[in-house]
């Protein structure tokens, strides 16, 4: 997620808003962001009811109580325009996301 922070101006130029969402608490988000030297985009806690947002996007692992690593682009009409659920250790290059944004 630090790569999104480094690329925020490009996301802004594409008239987009980056959001981080996880099932962790607000306190966990604060500590995590601080450990990275700060995150300026919003971090949302999908904490209670746990995983409700992740479930609605098909990105919740109920057996493990965590969300998948996933990227979504929601268009201006509120529809999912891009979806990528991938292994936790892998993050697509930001160019993949920017390509998807250009296609909107």
PDB file of N, CA and C in Angstrom:
ATOM      1  N   UNK A   1       0.803  -1.201   0.000  1.00  0.00           N
ATOM      2  CA  UNK A   1       0.000   0.000   0.000  1.00  0.00           C
ATOM      3  C   UNK A   1       0.849   1.271   0.000  1.00  0.00           C
ATOM      4  N   UNK A   2       2.098   1.187   0.424  1.00  0.00           N
ATOM      5  CA  UNK A   2       2.930   2.384   0.270  1.00  0.00           C
ATOM      6  C   UNK A   2       3.084   2.802  -1.195  1.00  0.00           C
ATOM      7  N   UNK A   3       2.991   1.835  -2.131  1.00  0.00           N
ATOM      8  CA  UNK A   3       3.109   2.209  -3.546  1.00  0.00           C
ATOM      9  C   UNK A   3       1.935   3.080  -3.984  1.00  0.00           C
ATOM     10  N   UNK A   4       0.766   2.900  -3.368  1.00  0.00           N
ATOM     11  CA  UNK A   4      -0.372   3.767  -3.687  1.00  0.00           C
ATOM     12  C   UNK A   4      -0.116   5.173  -3.154  1.00  0.00           C
ATOM     13  N   UNK A   5       0.468   5.237  -1.967  1.00  0.00           N
ATOM     14  CA  UNK A   5       0.816   6.539  -1.383  1.00  0.00           C
ATOM     15  C   UNK A   5       1.774   7.284  -2.305  1.00  0.00           C
ATOM     16  N   UNK A   6       2.776   6.573  -2.807  1.00  0.00           N
ATOM     17  CA  UNK A   6       3.768   7.194  -3.690  1.00  0.00           C
ATOM     18  C   UNK A   6       3.160   7.630  -5.023  1.00  0.00           C
ATOM     19  N   UNK A   7       2.044   7.026  -5.395  1.00  0.00           N
ATOM     20  CA  UNK A   7       1.407   7.272  -6.698  1.00  0.00           C
ATOM     21  C   UNK A   7       0.114   8.082  -6.573  1.00  0.00           C
ATOM     22  N   UNK A   8      -0.124   8.699  -5.418  1.00  0.00           N
ATOM     23  CA  UNK A   8      -1.397   9.389  -5.181  1.00  0.00           C
ATOM     24  C   UNK A   8      -1.686  10.495  -6.193  1.00  0.00           C
ATOM     25  N   UNK A   9      -0.674  11.205  -6.640  1.00  0.00           N
ATOM     26  CA  UNK A   9      -0.935  12.291  -7.590  1.00  0.00           C
ATOM     27  C   UNK A   9      -1.480  11.738  -8.903  1.00  0.00           C
ATOM     28  N   UNK A  10      -0.990  10.595  -9.341  1.00  0.00           N
ATOM     29  CA  UNK A  10      -1.524   9.982 -10.574  1.00  0.00           C
ATOM     30  C   UNK A  10      -2.962   9.524 -10.380  1.00  0.00           C
ATOM     31  N   UNK A  11      -3.252   8.970  -9.210  1.00  0.00           N
ATOM     32  CA  UNK A  11      -4.642   8.581  -8.942  1.00  0.00           C
ATOM     33  C   UNK A  11      -5.532   9.813  -8.913  1.00  0.00           C
ATOM     34  N   UNK A  12      -5.055  10.886  -8.322  1.00  0.00           N
ATOM     35  CA  UNK A  12      -5.813  12.130  -8.294  1.00  0.00           C
ATOM     36  C   UNK A  12      -6.035  12.688  -9.687  1.00  0.00           C
ATOM     37  N   UNK A  13      -5.006  12.613 -10.534  1.00  0.00           N
ATOM     38  CA  UNK A  13      -5.137  13.081 -11.918  1.00  0.00           C
ATOM     39  C   UNK A  13      -6.196  12.286 -12.677  1.00  0.00           C
ATOM     40  N   UNK A  14      -6.420  11.047 -12.263  1.00  0.00           N
ATOM     41  CA  UNK A  14      -7.432  10.195 -12.894  1.00  0.00           C
ATOM     42  C   UNK A  14      -8.804  10.368 -12.228  1.00  0.00           C
ATOM     43  N   UNK A  15      -8.928  11.389 -11.363  1.00  0.00           N
ATOM     44  CA  UNK A  15     -10.186  11.686 -10.667  1.00  0.00           C
ATOM     45  C   UNK A  15     -10.662  10.485  -9.852  1.00  0.00           C
ATOM     46  N   UNK A  16      -9.729   9.894  -9.118  1.00  0.00           N
ATOM     47  CA  UNK A  16     -10.039   8.733  -8.283  1.00  0.00           C
ATOM     48  C   UNK A  16      -9.667   9.004  -6.833  1.00  0.00           C
ATOM     49  N   UNK A  17     -10.210   8.193  -5.941  1.00  0.00           N
ATOM     50  CA  UNK A  17      -9.898   8.244  -4.519  1.00  0.00           C
ATOM     51  C   UNK A  17      -9.405   6.870  -4.097  1.00  0.00           C
ATOM     52  N   UNK A  18      -8.216   6.813  -3.528  1.00  0.00           N
ATOM     53  CA  UNK A  18      -7.673   5.570  -2.992  1.00  0.00           C
ATOM     54  C   UNK A  18      -8.201   5.406  -1.574  1.00  0.00           C
ATOM     55  N   UNK A  19      -8.663   4.204  -1.258  1.00  0.00           N
ATOM     56  CA  UNK A  19      -9.110   3.850   0.092  1.00  0.00           C
ATOM     57  C   UNK A  19      -8.485   2.511   0.458  1.00  0.00           C
ATOM     58  N   UNK A  20      -8.055   2.383   1.688  1.00  0.00           N
ATOM     59  CA  UNK A  20      -7.614   1.100   2.197  1.00  0.00           C
ATOM     60  C   UNK A  20      -8.685   0.567   3.140  1.00  0.00           C
ATOM     61  N   UNK A  21      -9.031  -0.695   2.991  1.00  0.00           N
ATOM     62  CA  UNK A  21     -10.062  -1.295   3.838  1.00  0.00           C
ATOM     63  C   UNK A  21      -9.544  -2.643   4.334  1.00  0.00           C
ATOM     64  N   UNK A  22      -9.683  -2.893   5.632  1.00  0.00           N
ATOM     65  CA  UNK A  22      -9.375  -4.217   6.170  1.00  0.00           C
ATOM     66  C   UNK A  22     -10.277  -4.484   7.359  1.00  0.00           C
ATOM     67  N   UNK A  23     -10.263  -5.723   7.807  1.00  0.00           N
ATOM     68  CA  UNK A  23     -11.095  -6.112   8.947  1.00  0.00           C
ATOM     69  C   UNK A  23     -10.441  -5.754  10.279  1.00  0.00           C
ATOM     70  N   UNK A  24      -9.286  -5.110  10.218  1.00  0.00           N
ATOM     71  CA  UNK A  24      -8.604  -4.674  11.437  1.00  0.00           C
ATOM     72  C   UNK A  24      -9.287  -3.445  12.034  1.00  0.00           C
ATOM     73  N   UNK A  25      -8.992  -3.187  13.303  1.00  0.00           N
ATOM     74  CA  UNK A  25      -9.592  -2.054  14.006  1.00  0.00           C
ATOM     75  C   UNK A  25      -8.945  -0.732  13.591  1.00  0.00           C
ATOM     76  N   UNK A  26      -9.598   0.354  13.955  1.00  0.00           N
ATOM     77  CA  UNK A  26      -9.052   1.686  13.706  1.00  0.00           C
ATOM     78  C   UNK A  26      -7.685   1.814  14.378  1.00  0.00           C
ATOM     79  N   UNK A  27      -7.552   1.300  15.591  1.00  0.00           N
ATOM     80  CA  UNK A  27      -6.275   1.376  16.310  1.00  0.00           C
ATOM     81  C   UNK A  27      -5.171   0.624  15.565  1.00  0.00           C
ATOM     82  N   UNK A  28      -5.507  -0.529  14.995  1.00  0.00           N
ATOM     83  CA  UNK A  28      -4.531  -1.289  14.204  1.00  0.00           C
ATOM     84  C   UNK A  28      -4.123  -0.508  12.965  1.00  0.00           C
ATOM     85  N   UNK A  29      -5.101   0.121  12.306  1.00  0.00           N
ATOM     86  CA  UNK A  29      -4.800   0.930  11.120  1.00  0.00           C
ATOM     87  C   UNK A  29      -3.859   2.073  11.461  1.00  0.00           C
ATOM     88  N   UNK A  30      -4.129   2.732  12.578  1.00  0.00           N
ATOM     89  CA  UNK A  30      -3.292   3.855  12.999  1.00  0.00           C
ATOM     90  C   UNK A  30      -1.856   3.395  13.236  1.00  0.00           C
ATOM     91  N   UNK A  31      -1.687   2.297  13.935  1.00  0.00           N
ATOM     92  CA  UNK A  31      -0.349   1.772  14.226  1.00  0.00           C
ATOM     93  C   UNK A  31       0.350   1.333  12.938  1.00  0.00           C
ATOM     94  N   UNK A  32      -0.385   0.682  12.051  1.00  0.00           N
ATOM     95  CA  UNK A  32       0.187   0.218  10.787  1.00  0.00           C
ATOM     96  C   UNK A  32       0.643   1.395   9.938  1.00  0.00           C
ATOM     97  N   UNK A  33      -0.212   2.402   9.795  1.00  0.00           N
ATOM     98  CA  UNK A  33       0.143   3.585   9.004  1.00  0.00           C
ATOM     99  C   UNK A  33       1.370   4.280   9.599  1.00  0.00           C
ATOM    100  N   UNK A  34       1.408   4.373  10.898  1.00  0.00           N
ATOM    101  CA  UNK A  34       2.556   5.003  11.567  1.00  0.00           C
ATOM    102  C   UNK A  34       3.835   4.218  11.300  1.00  0.00           C
ATOM    103  N   UNK A  35       3.746   2.888  11.304  1.00  0.00           N
ATOM    104  CA  UNK A  35       4.927   2.052  11.070  1.00  0.00           C
ATOM    105  C   UNK A  35       5.484   2.243   9.660  1.00  0.00           C
ATOM    106  N   UNK A  36       4.642   2.712   8.744  1.00  0.00           N
ATOM    107  CA  UNK A  36       5.068   2.952   7.361  1.00  0.00           C
ATOM    108  C   UNK A  36       5.508   4.398   7.141  1.00  0.00           C
ATOM    109  N   UNK A  37       5.453   5.191   8.189  1.00  0.00           N
ATOM    110  CA  UNK A  37       5.813   6.587   8.053  1.00  0.00           C
ATOM    111  C   UNK A  37       4.642   7.479   7.694  1.00  0.00           C
ATOM    112  N   UNK A  38       3.451   6.909   7.721  1.00  0.00           N
ATOM    113  CA  UNK A  38       2.237   7.676   7.455  1.00  0.00           C
ATOM    114  C   UNK A  38       1.581   7.313   6.137  1.00  0.00           C
ATOM    115  N   UNK A  39       0.272   7.315   6.148  1.00  0.00           N
ATOM    116  CA  UNK A  39      -0.561   7.099   4.967  1.00  0.00           C
ATOM    117  C   UNK A  39      -1.531   8.273   4.935  1.00  0.00           C
ATOM    118  N   UNK A  40      -1.644   8.946   3.808  1.00  0.00           N
ATOM    119  CA  UNK A  40      -2.512  10.119   3.742  1.00  0.00           C
ATOM    120  C   UNK A  40      -3.890   9.831   3.175  1.00  0.00           C
ATOM    121  N   UNK A  41      -4.079   8.650   2.582  1.00  0.00           N
ATOM    122  CA  UNK A  41      -5.421   8.309   2.096  1.00  0.00           C
ATOM    123  C   UNK A  41      -6.183   7.592   3.209  1.00  0.00           C
ATOM    124  N   UNK A  42      -7.523   7.599   3.137  1.00  0.00           N
ATOM    125  CA  UNK A  42      -8.318   7.007   4.212  1.00  0.00           C
ATOM    126  C   UNK A  42      -8.119   5.495   4.349  1.00  0.00           C
ATOM    127  N   UNK A  43      -8.064   5.042   5.588  1.00  0.00           N
ATOM    128  CA  UNK A  43      -8.043   3.621   5.927  1.00  0.00           C
ATOM    129  C   UNK A  43      -9.354   3.328   6.656  1.00  0.00           C
ATOM    130  N   UNK A  44     -10.137   2.446   6.108  1.00  0.00           N
ATOM    131  CA  UNK A  44     -11.452   2.141   6.667  1.00  0.00           C
ATOM    132  C   UNK A  44     -11.421   0.801   7.389  1.00  0.00           C
ATOM    133  N   UNK A  45     -12.013   0.765   8.585  1.00  0.00           N
ATOM    134  CA  UNK A  45     -12.043  -0.451   9.390  1.00  0.00           C
ATOM    135  C   UNK A  45     -13.353  -1.200   9.156  1.00  0.00           C
ATOM    136  N   UNK A  46     -13.247  -2.348   8.519  1.00  0.00           N
ATOM    137  CA  UNK A  46     -14.390  -3.240   8.273  1.00  0.00           C
ATOM    138  C   UNK A  46     -14.477  -4.195   9.468  1.00  0.00           C
ATOM    139  N   UNK A  47     -14.565  -3.600  10.651  1.00  0.00           N
ATOM    140  CA  UNK A  47     -14.344  -4.319  11.909  1.00  0.00           C
ATOM    141  C   UNK A  47     -15.627  -4.823  12.553  1.00  0.00           C
ATOM    142  N   UNK A  48     -16.696  -4.047  12.481  1.00  0.00           N
ATOM    143  CA  UNK A  48     -17.927  -4.449  13.170  1.00  0.00           C
ATOM    144  C   UNK A  48     -19.133  -4.005  12.363  1.00  0.00           C
ATOM    145  N   UNK A  49     -19.957  -4.872  11.888  1.00  0.00           N
ATOM    146  CA  UNK A  49     -19.766  -6.321  11.972  1.00  0.00           C
ATOM    147  C   UNK A  49     -18.588  -6.756  11.100  1.00  0.00           C
ATOM    148  N   UNK A  50     -17.761  -7.585  11.669  1.00  0.00           N
ATOM    149  CA  UNK A  50     -16.481  -7.951  11.060  1.00  0.00           C
ATOM    150  C   UNK A  50     -16.646  -8.487   9.643  1.00  0.00           C
ATOM    151  N   UNK A  51     -15.961  -7.802   8.728  1.00  0.00           N
ATOM    152  CA  UNK A  51     -15.906  -8.268   7.346  1.00  0.00           C
ATOM    153  C   UNK A  51     -17.146  -8.022   6.511  1.00  0.00           C
ATOM    154  N   UNK A  52     -18.073  -7.206   6.964  1.00  0.00           N
ATOM    155  CA  UNK A  52     -19.317  -6.996   6.217  1.00  0.00           C
ATOM    156  C   UNK A  52     -19.048  -6.443   4.818  1.00  0.00           C
ATOM    157  N   UNK A  53     -18.153  -5.476   4.715  1.00  0.00           N
ATOM    158  CA  UNK A  53     -17.830  -4.908   3.396  1.00  0.00           C
ATOM    159  C   UNK A  53     -17.115  -5.952   2.548  1.00  0.00           C
ATOM    160  N   UNK A  54     -16.126  -6.618   3.115  1.00  0.00           N
ATOM    161  CA  UNK A  54     -15.390  -7.655   2.376  1.00  0.00           C
ATOM    162  C   UNK A  54     -16.336  -8.754   1.891  1.00  0.00           C
ATOM    163  N   UNK A  55     -17.279  -9.160   2.720  1.00  0.00           N
ATOM    164  CA  UNK A  55     -18.260 -10.172   2.310  1.00  0.00           C
ATOM    165  C   UNK A  55     -19.065  -9.692   1.111  1.00  0.00           C
ATOM    166  N   UNK A  56     -19.482  -8.421   1.152  1.00  0.00           N
ATOM    167  CA  UNK A  56     -20.322  -7.910   0.069  1.00  0.00           C
ATOM    168  C   UNK A  56     -19.572  -7.857  -1.258  1.00  0.00           C
ATOM    169  N   UNK A  57     -18.231  -7.841  -1.211  1.00  0.00           N
ATOM    170  CA  UNK A  57     -17.425  -7.835  -2.431  1.00  0.00           C
ATOM    171  C   UNK A  57     -16.826  -9.205  -2.736  1.00  0.00           C
ATOM    172  N   UNK A  58     -17.203 -10.234  -1.970  1.00  0.00           N
ATOM    173  CA  UNK A  58     -16.690 -11.582  -2.212  1.00  0.00           C
ATOM    174  C   UNK A  58     -15.224 -11.737  -1.859  1.00  0.00           C
ATOM    175  N   UNK A  59     -14.760 -10.958  -0.874  1.00  0.00           N
ATOM    176  CA  UNK A  59     -13.335 -10.960  -0.533  1.00  0.00           C
ATOM    177  C   UNK A  59     -13.089 -11.272   0.936  1.00  0.00           C
ATOM    178  N   UNK A  60     -13.963 -12.057   1.559  1.00  0.00           N
ATOM    179  CA  UNK A  60     -13.803 -12.389   2.977  1.00  0.00           C
ATOM    180  C   UNK A  60     -13.549 -13.879   3.131  1.00  0.00           C
ATOM    181  N   UNK A  61     -12.546 -14.240   3.900  1.00  0.00           N
ATOM    182  CA  UNK A  61     -12.258 -15.639   4.217  1.00  0.00           C
ATOM    183  C   UNK A  61     -12.831 -15.935   5.598  1.00  0.00           C
ATOM    184  N   UNK A  62     -14.053 -16.385   5.635  1.00  0.00           N
ATOM    185  CA  UNK A  62     -14.741 -16.617   6.905  1.00  0.00           C
ATOM    186  C   UNK A  62     -13.990 -17.606   7.798  1.00  0.00           C
ATOM    187  N   UNK A  63     -13.422 -18.642   7.212  1.00  0.00           N
ATOM    188  CA  UNK A  63     -12.717 -19.654   8.001  1.00  0.00           C
ATOM    189  C   UNK A  63     -11.509 -19.070   8.722  1.00  0.00           C
ATOM    190  N   UNK A  64     -10.918 -18.024   8.147  1.00  0.00           N
ATOM    191  CA  UNK A  64      -9.727 -17.410   8.732  1.00  0.00           C
ATOM    192  C   UNK A  64     -10.024 -16.092   9.440  1.00  0.00           C
ATOM    193  N   UNK A  65     -11.220 -15.537   9.215  1.00  0.00           N
ATOM    194  CA  UNK A  65     -11.598 -14.270   9.831  1.00  0.00           C
ATOM    195  C   UNK A  65     -10.850 -13.073   9.272  1.00  0.00           C
ATOM    196  N   UNK A  66     -10.410 -13.184   8.011  1.00  0.00           N
ATOM    197  CA  UNK A  66      -9.671 -12.090   7.372  1.00  0.00           C
ATOM    198  C   UNK A  66     -10.224 -11.840   5.973  1.00  0.00           C
ATOM    199  N   UNK A  67      -9.841 -10.713   5.426  1.00  0.00           N
ATOM    200  CA  UNK A  67     -10.213 -10.440   4.042  1.00  0.00           C
ATOM    201  C   UNK A  67      -9.061 -10.837   3.127  1.00  0.00           C
ATOM    202  N   UNK A  68      -9.415 -11.126   1.894  1.00  0.00           N
ATOM    203  CA  UNK A  68      -8.415 -11.407   0.875  1.00  0.00           C
ATOM    204  C   UNK A  68      -7.674 -10.124   0.543  1.00  0.00           C
ATOM    205  N   UNK A  69      -6.530 -10.233  -0.097  1.00  0.00           N
ATOM    206  CA  UNK A  69      -5.868  -9.075  -0.682  1.00  0.00           C
ATOM    207  C   UNK A  69      -6.592  -8.826  -1.999  1.00  0.00           C
ATOM    208  N   UNK A  70      -7.177  -7.671  -2.142  1.00  0.00           N
ATOM    209  CA  UNK A  70      -7.999  -7.409  -3.321  1.00  0.00           C
ATOM    210  C   UNK A  70      -7.947  -5.944  -3.715  1.00  0.00           C
ATOM    211  N   UNK A  71      -8.162  -5.695  -4.987  1.00  0.00           N
ATOM    212  CA  UNK A  71      -8.268  -4.350  -5.542  1.00  0.00           C
ATOM    213  C   UNK A  71      -9.602  -4.238  -6.261  1.00  0.00           C
ATOM    214  N   UNK A  72     -10.277  -3.138  -6.048  1.00  0.00           N
ATOM    215  CA  UNK A  72     -11.537  -2.877  -6.737  1.00  0.00           C
ATOM    216  C   UNK A  72     -11.527  -1.447  -7.243  1.00  0.00           C
ATOM    217  N   UNK A  73     -12.077  -1.255  -8.412  1.00  0.00           N
ATOM    218  CA  UNK A  73     -12.357   0.087  -8.904  1.00  0.00           C
ATOM    219  C   UNK A  73     -13.871   0.184  -8.989  1.00  0.00           C
ATOM    220  N   UNK A  74     -14.405   1.172  -8.296  1.00  0.00           N
ATOM    221  CA  UNK A  74     -15.841   1.422  -8.300  1.00  0.00           C
ATOM    222  C   UNK A  74     -16.059   2.657  -9.175  1.00  0.00           C
ATOM    223  N   UNK A  75     -16.919   2.528 -10.188  1.00  0.00           N
ATOM    224  CA  UNK A  75     -17.120   3.671 -11.080  1.00  0.00           C
ATOM    225  C   UNK A  75     -18.046   4.700 -10.446  1.00  0.00           C
ATOM    226  N   UNK A  76     -18.261   5.784 -11.135  1.00  0.00           N
ATOM    227  CA  UNK A  76     -19.048   6.894 -10.589  1.00  0.00           C
ATOM    228  C   UNK A  76     -20.515   6.532 -10.394  1.00  0.00           C
ATOM    229  N   UNK A  77     -20.967   5.448 -10.997  1.00  0.00           N
ATOM    230  CA  UNK A  77     -22.336   4.977 -10.785  1.00  0.00           C
ATOM    231  C   UNK A  77     -22.418   3.977  -9.636  1.00  0.00           C
ATOM    232  N   UNK A  78     -21.282   3.692  -8.999  1.00  0.00           N
ATOM    233  CA  UNK A  78     -21.256   2.782  -7.866  1.00  0.00           C
ATOM    234  C   UNK A  78     -21.136   1.314  -8.237  1.00  0.00           C
ATOM    235  N   UNK A  79     -20.774   1.035  -9.491  1.00  0.00           N
ATOM    236  CA  UNK A  79     -20.633  -0.352  -9.953  1.00  0.00           C
ATOM    237  C   UNK A  79     -19.164  -0.752  -9.966  1.00  0.00           C
ATOM    238  N   UNK A  80     -18.915  -2.036  -9.697  1.00  0.00           N
ATOM    239  CA  UNK A  80     -17.552  -2.551  -9.740  1.00  0.00           C
ATOM    240  C   UNK A  80     -17.107  -2.587 -11.198  1.00  0.00           C
ATOM    241  N   UNK A  81     -16.076  -1.798 -11.514  1.00  0.00           N
ATOM    242  CA  UNK A  81     -15.560  -1.723 -12.878  1.00  0.00           C
ATOM    243  C   UNK A  81     -14.303  -2.570 -13.054  1.00  0.00           C
ATOM    244  N   UNK A  82     -13.675  -2.942 -11.939  1.00  0.00           N
ATOM    245  CA  UNK A  82     -12.445  -3.731 -11.981  1.00  0.00           C
ATOM    246  C   UNK A  82     -12.341  -4.480 -10.663  1.00  0.00           C
ATOM    247  N   UNK A  83     -11.918  -5.739 -10.750  1.00  0.00           N
ATOM    248  CA  UNK A  83     -11.790  -6.567  -9.550  1.00  0.00           C
ATOM    249  C   UNK A  83     -10.572  -7.462  -9.711  1.00  0.00           C
ATOM    250  N   UNK A  84      -9.730  -7.499  -8.699  1.00  0.00           N
ATOM    251  CA  UNK A  84      -8.553  -8.354  -8.695  1.00  0.00           C
ATOM    252  C   UNK A  84      -8.356  -8.874  -7.274  1.00  0.00           C
ATOM    253  N   UNK A  85      -8.651 -10.141  -7.067  1.00  0.00           N
ATOM    254  CA  UNK A  85      -8.386 -10.786  -5.777  1.00  0.00           C
ATOM    255  C   UNK A  85      -7.162 -11.666  -5.992  1.00  0.00           C
ATOM    256  N   UNK A  86      -6.128 -11.430  -5.204  1.00  0.00           N
ATOM    257  CA  UNK A  86      -4.860 -12.104  -5.440  1.00  0.00           C
ATOM    258  C   UNK A  86      -4.217 -12.555  -4.126  1.00  0.00           C
ATOM    259  N   UNK A  87      -3.157 -13.336  -4.252  1.00  0.00           N
ATOM    260  CA  UNK A  87      -2.443 -13.840  -3.079  1.00  0.00           C
ATOM    261  C   UNK A  87      -1.933 -12.682  -2.234  1.00  0.00           C
ATOM    262  N   UNK A  88      -1.934 -12.888  -0.933  1.00  0.00           N
ATOM    263  CA  UNK A  88      -1.566 -11.823   0.004  1.00  0.00           C
ATOM    264  C   UNK A  88      -0.154 -11.300  -0.237  1.00  0.00           C
ATOM    265  N   UNK A  89       0.748 -12.125  -0.692  1.00  0.00           N
ATOM    266  CA  UNK A  89       2.125 -11.711  -0.920  1.00  0.00           C
ATOM    267  C   UNK A  89       2.372 -11.046  -2.259  1.00  0.00           C
ATOM    268  N   UNK A  90       1.343 -10.949  -3.079  1.00  0.00           N
ATOM    269  CA  UNK A  90       1.512 -10.372  -4.413  1.00  0.00           C
ATOM    270  C   UNK A  90       0.626  -9.145  -4.573  1.00  0.00           C
ATOM    271  N   UNK A  91       1.190  -8.126  -5.188  1.00  0.00           N
ATOM    272  CA  UNK A  91       0.428  -6.915  -5.469  1.00  0.00           C
ATOM    273  C   UNK A  91       0.680  -6.555  -6.927  1.00  0.00           C
ATOM    274  N   UNK A  92      -0.386  -6.416  -7.701  1.00  0.00           N
ATOM    275  CA  UNK A  92      -0.174  -6.026  -9.094  1.00  0.00           C
ATOM    276  C   UNK A  92       0.510  -4.664  -9.178  1.00  0.00           C
ATOM    277  N   UNK A  93       1.280  -4.475 -10.209  1.00  0.00           N
ATOM    278  CA  UNK A  93       1.909  -3.188 -10.462  1.00  0.00           C
ATOM    279  C   UNK A  93       0.826  -2.130 -10.620  1.00  0.00           C
ATOM    280  N   UNK A  94       1.096  -0.933 -10.140  1.00  0.00           N
ATOM    281  CA  UNK A  94       0.108   0.139 -10.248  1.00  0.00           C
ATOM    282  C   UNK A  94      -0.297   0.421 -11.685  1.00  0.00           C
ATOM    283  N   UNK A  95       0.559   0.100 -12.648  1.00  0.00           N
ATOM    284  CA  UNK A  95       0.201   0.329 -14.054  1.00  0.00           C
ATOM    285  C   UNK A  95      -1.019  -0.491 -14.464  1.00  0.00           C
ATOM    286  N   UNK A  96      -1.195  -1.656 -13.863  1.00  0.00           N
ATOM    287  CA  UNK A  96      -2.378  -2.473 -14.142  1.00  0.00           C
ATOM    288  C   UNK A  96      -3.634  -1.706 -13.732  1.00  0.00           C
ATOM    289  N   UNK A  97      -3.577  -1.069 -12.580  1.00  0.00           N
ATOM    290  CA  UNK A  97      -4.716  -0.297 -12.086  1.00  0.00           C
ATOM    291  C   UNK A  97      -4.932   0.939 -12.968  1.00  0.00           C
ATOM    292  N   UNK A  98      -3.856   1.624 -13.313  1.00  0.00           N
ATOM    293  CA  UNK A  98      -3.983   2.816 -14.154  1.00  0.00           C
ATOM    294  C   UNK A  98      -4.526   2.455 -15.538  1.00  0.00           C
ATOM    295  N   UNK A  99      -4.144   1.296 -16.070  1.00  0.00           N
ATOM    296  CA  UNK A  99      -4.704   0.843 -17.350  1.00  0.00           C
ATOM    297  C   UNK A  99      -6.203   0.640 -17.231  1.00  0.00           C
ATOM    298  N   UNK A 100      -6.637   0.022 -16.124  1.00  0.00           N
ATOM    299  CA  UNK A 100      -8.074  -0.195 -15.910  1.00  0.00           C
ATOM    300  C   UNK A 100      -8.801   1.133 -15.779  1.00  0.00           C
ATOM    301  N   UNK A 101      -8.193   2.099 -15.105  1.00  0.00           N
ATOM    302  CA  UNK A 101      -8.825   3.417 -14.952  1.00  0.00           C
ATOM    303  C   UNK A 101      -8.963   4.124 -16.302  1.00  0.00           C
ATOM    304  N   UNK A 102      -7.958   3.996 -17.155  1.00  0.00           N
ATOM    305  CA  UNK A 102      -8.017   4.638 -18.478  1.00  0.00           C
ATOM    306  C   UNK A 102      -9.148   4.069 -19.322  1.00  0.00           C
ATOM    307  N   UNK A 103      -9.516   2.826 -19.070  1.00  0.00           N
ATOM    308  CA  UNK A 103     -10.568   2.170 -19.865  1.00  0.00           C
ATOM    309  C   UNK A 103     -11.975   2.574 -19.443  1.00  0.00           C
ATOM    310  N   UNK A 104     -12.094   3.265 -18.334  1.00  0.00           N
ATOM    311  CA  UNK A 104     -13.436   3.669 -17.867  1.00  0.00           C
ATOM    312  C   UNK A 104     -13.999   4.799 -18.716  1.00  0.00           C
TER     313      UNK A 104
END
